[in-house]
Amino acid sequence: MTATANEGASKTVRSIFVLLPLIGFTALAVLFYVGLHEGDPSLLPSALIGKPMPATDLSPVEGLLRDGQPVPGITNATFKGKVTLVNVWASWCIPCHDEVPFLATLAKDKRIQLVSINYKDAPDDARRFLGRYGNPYAATGADRSGRESINWGVYGVPETYLVNRTGVIAYKLVGPITGENLTQVLEPQIAKALAN
């Protein structure tokens, strides 16, 4: 009787060990599914929100013109006393192409300034991109190595940061600007920064 009980217990333990990988895989699959279908990448937290923007000194994109004039790079002086949107983009970024019409709309709002960081891009490609779509940016800094963008907390492009008049990062949008997040999220955040 004891031998039979031991055999039964042994079979139960083996069955549990056989099922453990299946249970683990199922749990991971559920987490992955929830992350894909319910996770919003624009809601990723940023440790820099509410903190001063990082020291920034980016040269202009070589040969980039707007209205026949050279487009300046970005320094901390660019932000002084202005509510500023900083759009991080690259010519090779597919969603960056999609957000251009919304950036053009934002560029018309004279209460704010729109500047950009061109991320890990060749100057010729950046110029072609802005030549194709039009240049909505008052200033564009070239971040060929990506180091300055890392200081800003960039996960990937596109990303857009809202900097208030005192140089504090007030909001971060991960992913492209869309019609929906422009009206529901970004415009209210801009209004809040302008009011403060």
Protein backbone atom coordinates (compact mmCIF):
# COMPACT_ATOMS: atom_id res chain seq x y z
CA MET A 1 0.00 0.00 0.00
CA THR A 2 2.85 2.41 0.77
CA ALA A 3 4.56 1.61 -2.55
CA THR A 4 1.31 2.40 -4.44
CA ALA A 5 0.89 5.67 -2.56
CA ASN A 6 4.49 6.63 -3.36
CA GLU A 7 3.97 5.79 -7.05
CA GLY A 8 0.79 7.94 -7.12
CA ALA A 9 2.57 10.86 -5.45
CA SER A 10 5.51 10.47 -7.84
CA LYS A 11 3.17 10.59 -10.87
CA THR A 12 1.48 13.73 -9.49
CA VAL A 13 4.83 15.48 -9.01
CA ARG A 14 5.93 14.51 -12.55
CA SER A 15 2.63 15.81 -13.96
CA ILE A 16 3.13 19.13 -12.18
CA PHE A 17 6.69 19.45 -13.57
CA VAL A 18 5.41 18.68 -17.07
CA LEU A 19 2.70 21.37 -16.77
CA LEU A 20 4.94 24.11 -15.31
CA PRO A 21 6.41 25.21 -18.68
CA LEU A 22 2.93 25.27 -20.22
CA ILE A 23 1.57 27.36 -17.34
CA GLY A 24 4.55 29.75 -17.58
CA PHE A 25 4.16 30.12 -21.35
CA THR A 26 0.42 30.78 -21.00
CA ALA A 27 1.04 33.47 -18.37
CA LEU A 28 3.62 35.18 -20.59
CA ALA A 29 1.30 35.00 -23.61
CA VAL A 30 -1.50 36.66 -21.63
CA LEU A 31 0.81 39.44 -20.43
CA PHE A 32 2.10 39.99 -23.97
CA TYR A 33 -1.45 40.13 -25.36
CA VAL A 34 -2.59 42.63 -22.73
CA GLY A 35 0.51 44.75 -23.32
CA LEU A 36 -0.10 44.84 -27.07
CA HIS A 37 -3.82 45.50 -27.01
CA GLU A 38 -4.32 47.59 -23.94
CA GLY A 39 -0.95 49.26 -23.42
CA ASP A 40 -0.56 52.81 -24.71
CA PRO A 41 3.09 53.61 -25.45
CA SER A 42 2.33 57.32 -25.11
CA LEU A 43 1.67 56.69 -21.42
CA LEU A 44 5.22 55.56 -20.68
CA PRO A 45 6.39 57.53 -17.67
CA SER A 46 9.29 59.94 -17.91
CA ALA A 47 11.56 60.64 -14.99
CA LEU A 48 12.15 64.14 -16.40
CA ILE A 49 8.58 65.43 -16.22
CA GLY A 50 8.52 68.25 -13.69
CA LYS A 51 12.30 68.62 -13.84
CA PRO A 52 14.51 71.12 -15.69
CA MET A 53 15.31 70.15 -19.25
CA PRO A 54 18.83 68.81 -19.78
CA ALA A 55 21.60 71.12 -20.89
CA THR A 56 21.28 71.17 -24.66
CA ASP A 57 23.76 72.36 -27.25
CA LEU A 58 23.08 70.97 -30.72
CA SER A 59 24.54 72.35 -33.94
CA PRO A 60 22.15 73.06 -36.79
CA VAL A 61 21.55 70.51 -39.53
CA GLU A 62 24.15 71.41 -42.17
CA GLY A 63 22.67 73.41 -45.05
CA LEU A 64 19.10 73.43 -43.69
CA LEU A 65 17.21 76.56 -44.75
CA ARG A 66 13.78 77.97 -43.95
CA ASP A 67 12.46 80.89 -45.99
CA GLY A 68 15.94 81.22 -47.49
CA GLN A 69 17.61 81.64 -44.08
CA PRO A 70 19.78 79.10 -42.22
CA VAL A 71 17.83 77.24 -39.53
CA PRO A 72 19.62 77.56 -36.17
CA GLY A 73 20.53 74.68 -33.90
CA ILE A 74 19.28 74.34 -30.32
CA THR A 75 20.84 75.65 -27.12
CA ASN A 76 19.37 76.35 -23.70
CA ALA A 77 18.91 79.98 -24.80
CA THR A 78 16.42 78.75 -27.43
CA PHE A 79 13.93 77.99 -24.65
CA LYS A 80 14.22 81.11 -22.47
CA GLY A 81 10.82 82.55 -21.61
CA LYS A 82 8.94 80.50 -24.22
CA VAL A 83 6.58 77.56 -24.12
CA THR A 84 8.30 75.16 -26.50
CA LEU A 85 7.46 71.86 -28.16
CA VAL A 86 10.53 69.77 -28.90
CA ASN A 87 9.86 67.14 -31.56
CA VAL A 88 12.45 64.35 -31.88
CA TRP A 89 12.36 62.87 -35.39
CA ALA A 90 14.35 61.21 -38.18
CA SER A 91 13.87 60.90 -41.92
CA TRP A 92 14.05 57.09 -41.67
CA CYS A 93 11.21 57.00 -39.11
CA ILE A 94 7.92 55.99 -40.80
CA PRO A 95 5.59 57.46 -38.09
CA CYS A 96 7.55 60.74 -38.35
CA HIS A 97 6.22 61.12 -41.90
CA ASP A 98 2.65 60.65 -40.64
CA GLU A 99 2.83 63.37 -37.99
CA VAL A 100 4.05 66.18 -40.29
CA PRO A 101 0.57 67.66 -40.98
CA PHE A 102 -0.06 67.96 -37.23
CA LEU A 103 3.33 69.60 -36.70
CA ALA A 104 2.45 72.10 -39.45
CA THR A 105 -0.74 72.94 -37.53
CA LEU A 106 1.20 73.40 -34.28
CA ALA A 107 3.75 75.63 -36.04
CA LYS A 108 0.95 78.12 -36.82
CA ASP A 109 0.24 78.64 -33.09
CA LYS A 110 2.22 81.80 -32.33
CA ARG A 111 1.86 81.31 -28.55
CA ILE A 112 4.40 78.48 -28.67
CA GLN A 113 7.59 77.70 -30.54
CA LEU A 114 8.20 74.41 -32.30
CA VAL A 115 11.78 73.15 -32.44
CA SER A 116 13.23 69.76 -33.20
CA ILE A 117 16.02 67.33 -32.57
CA ASN A 118 17.00 65.42 -35.70
CA TYR A 119 17.92 61.98 -34.33
CA LYS A 120 20.73 59.83 -35.82
CA ASP A 121 20.15 61.15 -39.31
CA ALA A 122 22.36 62.17 -42.23
CA PRO A 123 22.10 65.91 -43.04
CA ASP A 124 21.18 65.20 -46.69
CA ASP A 125 18.33 62.91 -45.61
CA ALA A 126 17.06 65.43 -43.04
CA ARG A 127 17.09 68.22 -45.63
CA ARG A 128 15.26 66.04 -48.18
CA PHE A 129 12.63 65.09 -45.58
CA LEU A 130 11.92 68.72 -44.65
CA GLY A 131 12.12 69.77 -48.30
CA ARG A 132 9.45 67.22 -49.16
CA TYR A 133 7.02 68.12 -46.38
CA GLY A 134 7.96 71.68 -45.49
CA ASN A 135 9.88 72.77 -42.42
CA PRO A 136 7.63 73.61 -39.46
CA TYR A 137 10.56 74.08 -37.04
CA ALA A 138 11.97 77.41 -35.85
CA ALA A 139 15.21 75.59 -34.90
CA THR A 140 16.56 72.10 -35.53
CA GLY A 141 19.49 70.56 -33.70
CA ALA A 142 21.42 67.68 -35.25
CA ASP A 143 21.95 64.77 -32.86
CA ARG A 144 23.95 62.45 -35.10
CA SER A 145 25.16 60.23 -32.23
CA GLY A 146 21.89 60.17 -30.28
CA ARG A 147 23.60 61.17 -27.00
CA GLU A 148 21.65 64.41 -26.48
CA SER A 149 18.39 62.57 -27.09
CA ILE A 150 19.30 60.03 -24.43
CA ASN A 151 19.75 62.94 -22.00
CA TRP A 152 16.20 63.99 -22.85
CA GLY A 153 14.96 60.46 -22.08
CA VAL A 154 14.14 59.48 -25.65
CA TYR A 155 12.99 55.85 -26.02
CA GLY A 156 12.60 56.06 -29.80
CA VAL A 157 11.34 58.41 -32.47
CA PRO A 158 9.07 60.23 -32.76
CA GLU A 159 8.70 61.77 -29.32
CA THR A 160 7.56 65.25 -28.39
CA TYR A 161 8.38 67.18 -25.22
CA LEU A 162 6.56 70.22 -23.88
CA VAL A 163 8.88 72.63 -22.07
CA ASN A 164 7.39 75.50 -20.05
CA ARG A 165 8.68 79.08 -19.89
CA THR A 166 11.02 78.27 -17.01
CA GLY A 167 12.71 75.39 -18.85
CA VAL A 168 10.89 72.60 -17.01
CA ILE A 169 9.62 69.58 -18.96
CA ALA A 170 5.86 69.66 -18.48
CA TYR A 171 4.79 66.74 -20.67
CA LYS A 172 6.14 63.98 -22.91
CA LEU A 173 4.29 62.34 -25.80
CA VAL A 174 5.74 59.01 -26.94
CA GLY A 175 4.93 58.12 -30.53
CA PRO A 176 3.59 60.23 -33.37
CA ILE A 177 1.28 63.19 -32.98
CA THR A 178 -2.14 62.20 -34.30
CA GLY A 179 -5.40 64.07 -34.70
CA GLU A 180 -6.73 62.35 -31.60
CA ASN A 181 -3.82 62.93 -29.21
CA LEU A 182 -3.34 66.47 -30.55
CA THR A 183 -6.84 67.57 -29.52
CA GLN A 184 -7.34 65.35 -26.49
CA VAL A 185 -3.91 65.47 -24.88
CA LEU A 186 -1.34 67.81 -26.41
CA GLU A 187 -3.48 70.94 -26.83
CA PRO A 188 -4.77 70.77 -23.21
CA GLN A 189 -1.18 70.30 -21.97
CA ILE A 190 -0.06 73.31 -24.03
CA ALA A 191 -2.93 75.39 -22.62
CA LYS A 192 -1.89 74.40 -19.09
CA ALA A 193 1.75 75.37 -19.76
CA LEU A 194 0.66 78.71 -21.23
CA ALA A 195 -1.54 79.44 -18.19
CA ASN A 196 1.26 78.81 -15.67
